[in-house]
């Protein structure tokens, strides 16, 4: 299944706890869309979040975020795993 990296930019009030909660919500519903969110990274200072997911397409990955918590990514790109 394809891998996608999404990037959320300038999320106001970003905290580690808020990102963890959003990720938990993604994981609760991801199976409905055939998506598997693997990991996320964030920078509290810039309000940026990156999420790595397996999904049938980027629209499915976006749908999980939209339904789970409403924080839709600014961009989603297909990526290949490297070393």
N, C-alpha and C. Protein backbone atom coordinates (compact mmCIF):
# COMPACT_ATOMS: atom_id res chain seq x y z
N UNK A 1 0.86 -1.17 0.00
CA UNK A 1 0.00 0.00 0.00
C UNK A 1 0.91 1.24 0.00
N UNK A 2 0.52 2.30 -0.69
CA UNK A 2 1.34 3.51 -0.74
C UNK A 2 1.50 4.16 0.63
N UNK A 3 2.64 4.83 0.81
CA UNK A 3 2.92 5.62 2.01
C UNK A 3 2.72 7.09 1.70
N UNK A 4 2.17 7.82 2.65
CA UNK A 4 1.95 9.25 2.49
C UNK A 4 2.48 9.99 3.71
N UNK A 5 3.11 11.13 3.46
CA UNK A 5 3.54 12.04 4.52
C UNK A 5 2.69 13.29 4.37
N UNK A 6 2.04 13.66 5.47
CA UNK A 6 1.30 14.92 5.40
C UNK A 6 1.96 15.96 6.29
N UNK A 7 1.68 17.21 5.99
CA UNK A 7 2.31 18.34 6.68
C UNK A 7 1.24 19.35 7.06
N UNK A 8 1.10 19.57 8.34
CA UNK A 8 0.19 20.59 8.88
C UNK A 8 1.06 21.78 9.26
N UNK A 9 0.73 22.96 8.78
CA UNK A 9 1.55 24.14 9.04
C UNK A 9 0.81 25.14 9.92
N UNK A 10 1.53 25.73 10.86
CA UNK A 10 0.99 26.82 11.66
C UNK A 10 -0.22 26.47 12.50
N UNK A 11 -0.20 25.32 13.16
CA UNK A 11 -1.31 24.92 14.02
C UNK A 11 -1.22 25.72 15.32
N UNK A 12 -2.18 26.58 15.57
CA UNK A 12 -2.14 27.43 16.76
C UNK A 12 -2.39 26.62 18.02
N UNK A 13 -1.65 26.96 19.09
CA UNK A 13 -1.84 26.32 20.37
C UNK A 13 -1.35 24.88 20.41
N UNK A 14 -0.44 24.52 19.52
CA UNK A 14 0.05 23.15 19.43
C UNK A 14 0.79 22.74 20.71
N UNK A 15 0.42 21.59 21.23
CA UNK A 15 1.12 20.99 22.38
C UNK A 15 1.33 19.52 22.11
N UNK A 16 2.25 18.92 22.83
CA UNK A 16 2.50 17.49 22.68
C UNK A 16 1.24 16.70 23.01
N UNK A 17 0.53 17.13 24.03
CA UNK A 17 -0.69 16.43 24.43
C UNK A 17 -1.77 16.50 23.35
N UNK A 18 -1.92 17.67 22.74
CA UNK A 18 -2.93 17.85 21.70
C UNK A 18 -2.61 16.98 20.48
N UNK A 19 -1.33 16.89 20.11
CA UNK A 19 -0.95 16.07 18.96
C UNK A 19 -1.19 14.59 19.27
N UNK A 20 -0.83 14.17 20.46
CA UNK A 20 -1.05 12.77 20.86
C UNK A 20 -2.53 12.43 20.84
N UNK A 21 -3.37 13.34 21.29
CA UNK A 21 -4.82 13.11 21.29
C UNK A 21 -5.37 13.02 19.87
N UNK A 22 -4.90 13.91 18.98
CA UNK A 22 -5.35 13.87 17.59
C UNK A 22 -4.93 12.55 16.95
N UNK A 23 -3.70 12.10 17.22
CA UNK A 23 -3.22 10.83 16.66
C UNK A 23 -4.07 9.67 17.19
N UNK A 24 -4.41 9.69 18.47
CA UNK A 24 -5.26 8.66 19.06
C UNK A 24 -6.61 8.61 18.35
N UNK A 25 -7.18 9.80 18.07
CA UNK A 25 -8.47 9.86 17.37
C UNK A 25 -8.36 9.31 15.94
N UNK A 26 -7.24 9.62 15.27
CA UNK A 26 -7.01 9.06 13.93
C UNK A 26 -7.04 7.54 13.99
N UNK A 27 -6.34 6.98 14.96
CA UNK A 27 -6.22 5.54 15.07
C UNK A 27 -7.56 4.87 15.40
N UNK A 28 -8.44 5.58 16.07
CA UNK A 28 -9.76 5.03 16.39
C UNK A 28 -10.61 4.76 15.14
N UNK A 29 -10.46 5.60 14.12
CA UNK A 29 -11.33 5.47 12.94
C UNK A 29 -10.62 5.07 11.66
N UNK A 30 -9.30 4.96 11.69
CA UNK A 30 -8.54 4.74 10.46
C UNK A 30 -8.96 3.49 9.68
N UNK A 31 -9.37 2.44 10.37
CA UNK A 31 -9.75 1.20 9.68
C UNK A 31 -10.96 1.40 8.77
N UNK A 32 -11.82 2.34 9.10
CA UNK A 32 -13.00 2.61 8.26
C UNK A 32 -12.61 3.06 6.86
N UNK A 33 -11.39 3.62 6.72
CA UNK A 33 -10.92 4.16 5.45
C UNK A 33 -9.78 3.35 4.85
N UNK A 34 -9.43 2.23 5.48
CA UNK A 34 -8.33 1.42 4.99
C UNK A 34 -6.98 2.10 5.15
N UNK A 35 -6.85 2.92 6.19
CA UNK A 35 -5.64 3.71 6.45
C UNK A 35 -4.97 3.20 7.71
N UNK A 36 -3.64 3.31 7.74
CA UNK A 36 -2.89 3.00 8.97
C UNK A 36 -1.89 4.12 9.22
N UNK A 37 -2.17 4.95 10.22
CA UNK A 37 -1.23 5.98 10.62
C UNK A 37 -0.14 5.35 11.47
N UNK A 38 1.12 5.57 11.08
CA UNK A 38 2.26 4.94 11.75
C UNK A 38 2.89 5.82 12.81
N UNK A 39 3.30 7.00 12.42
CA UNK A 39 4.05 7.89 13.32
C UNK A 39 3.71 9.33 13.01
N UNK A 40 4.09 10.17 13.94
CA UNK A 40 3.97 11.61 13.69
C UNK A 40 5.17 12.30 14.32
N UNK A 41 5.45 13.50 13.82
CA UNK A 41 6.50 14.35 14.34
C UNK A 41 5.88 15.73 14.47
N UNK A 42 6.37 16.52 15.42
CA UNK A 42 5.82 17.86 15.57
C UNK A 42 6.87 18.82 16.11
N UNK A 43 6.62 20.10 15.87
CA UNK A 43 7.47 21.17 16.36
C UNK A 43 6.55 22.19 17.03
N UNK A 44 6.56 22.21 18.36
CA UNK A 44 5.67 23.13 19.08
C UNK A 44 5.97 24.59 18.76
N UNK A 45 7.24 24.91 18.53
CA UNK A 45 7.62 26.31 18.28
C UNK A 45 7.04 26.86 16.98
N UNK A 46 6.99 26.02 15.94
CA UNK A 46 6.49 26.49 14.64
C UNK A 46 5.04 26.08 14.38
N UNK A 47 4.50 25.20 15.24
CA UNK A 47 3.13 24.74 15.03
C UNK A 47 2.99 23.78 13.86
N UNK A 48 4.06 23.02 13.58
CA UNK A 48 4.04 22.10 12.45
C UNK A 48 3.94 20.66 12.92
N UNK A 49 3.22 19.86 12.13
CA UNK A 49 3.06 18.43 12.39
C UNK A 49 3.25 17.70 11.06
N UNK A 50 3.93 16.54 11.13
CA UNK A 50 4.07 15.65 9.99
C UNK A 50 3.55 14.29 10.40
N UNK A 51 2.79 13.65 9.55
CA UNK A 51 2.21 12.34 9.85
C UNK A 51 2.55 11.38 8.72
N UNK A 52 2.92 10.15 9.08
CA UNK A 52 3.22 9.12 8.10
C UNK A 52 2.12 8.06 8.16
N UNK A 53 1.55 7.76 7.00
CA UNK A 53 0.44 6.81 6.95
C UNK A 53 0.52 5.95 5.70
N UNK A 54 0.02 4.73 5.83
CA UNK A 54 -0.26 3.89 4.68
C UNK A 54 -1.72 4.13 4.35
N UNK A 55 -2.02 4.33 3.08
CA UNK A 55 -3.40 4.59 2.68
C UNK A 55 -3.58 4.20 1.22
N UNK A 56 -4.81 3.86 0.84
CA UNK A 56 -5.06 3.54 -0.57
C UNK A 56 -4.81 4.74 -1.48
N UNK A 57 -5.05 5.95 -0.96
CA UNK A 57 -4.78 7.19 -1.69
C UNK A 57 -4.77 8.34 -0.67
N UNK A 58 -4.33 9.51 -1.11
CA UNK A 58 -4.21 10.63 -0.16
C UNK A 58 -5.57 11.13 0.30
N UNK A 59 -6.59 10.94 -0.50
CA UNK A 59 -7.93 11.35 -0.10
C UNK A 59 -8.42 10.57 1.12
N UNK A 60 -8.07 9.28 1.18
CA UNK A 60 -8.46 8.47 2.34
C UNK A 60 -7.74 8.95 3.59
N UNK A 61 -6.45 9.25 3.47
CA UNK A 61 -5.69 9.76 4.62
C UNK A 61 -6.28 11.08 5.11
N UNK A 62 -6.64 11.95 4.18
CA UNK A 62 -7.25 13.23 4.53
C UNK A 62 -8.61 13.04 5.21
N UNK A 63 -9.38 12.08 4.73
CA UNK A 63 -10.71 11.83 5.30
C UNK A 63 -10.62 11.42 6.77
N UNK A 64 -9.60 10.63 7.12
CA UNK A 64 -9.42 10.24 8.52
C UNK A 64 -9.20 11.47 9.39
N UNK A 65 -8.28 12.34 8.99
CA UNK A 65 -8.03 13.57 9.76
C UNK A 65 -9.28 14.43 9.88
N UNK A 66 -9.99 14.58 8.76
CA UNK A 66 -11.17 15.43 8.76
C UNK A 66 -12.22 14.92 9.74
N UNK A 67 -12.49 13.63 9.70
CA UNK A 67 -13.52 13.07 10.58
C UNK A 67 -13.05 12.98 12.04
N UNK A 68 -11.80 12.62 12.25
CA UNK A 68 -11.30 12.38 13.61
C UNK A 68 -11.18 13.65 14.43
N UNK A 69 -10.69 14.74 13.81
CA UNK A 69 -10.43 15.95 14.61
C UNK A 69 -10.49 17.25 13.82
N UNK A 70 -10.62 17.17 12.51
CA UNK A 70 -10.76 18.37 11.70
C UNK A 70 -9.47 19.06 11.32
N UNK A 71 -8.32 18.55 11.75
CA UNK A 71 -7.03 19.17 11.39
C UNK A 71 -6.54 18.59 10.07
N UNK A 72 -7.04 19.12 8.99
CA UNK A 72 -6.67 18.64 7.66
C UNK A 72 -5.30 19.19 7.30
N UNK A 73 -4.46 18.36 6.70
CA UNK A 73 -3.10 18.74 6.34
C UNK A 73 -3.09 19.80 5.24
N UNK A 74 -2.05 20.62 5.26
CA UNK A 74 -1.85 21.62 4.20
C UNK A 74 -1.36 20.96 2.92
N UNK A 75 -0.61 19.87 3.07
CA UNK A 75 -0.17 19.11 1.90
C UNK A 75 0.02 17.65 2.28
N UNK A 76 -0.21 16.78 1.30
CA UNK A 76 -0.01 15.34 1.47
C UNK A 76 0.74 14.86 0.24
N UNK A 77 1.87 14.18 0.46
CA UNK A 77 2.65 13.68 -0.67
C UNK A 77 2.94 12.19 -0.49
N UNK A 78 2.96 11.48 -1.61
CA UNK A 78 3.33 10.08 -1.57
C UNK A 78 4.84 9.98 -1.42
N UNK A 79 5.30 9.07 -0.55
CA UNK A 79 6.73 8.91 -0.30
C UNK A 79 7.10 7.43 -0.40
N UNK A 80 8.38 7.18 -0.59
CA UNK A 80 8.94 5.82 -0.59
C UNK A 80 9.89 5.73 0.59
N UNK A 81 9.87 4.58 1.26
CA UNK A 81 10.74 4.39 2.42
C UNK A 81 12.19 4.21 1.97
N UNK A 82 13.10 4.87 2.68
CA UNK A 82 14.53 4.72 2.43
C UNK A 82 15.21 4.11 3.63
N UNK A 83 16.52 4.21 3.67
CA UNK A 83 17.27 3.61 4.79
C UNK A 83 17.33 4.49 6.01
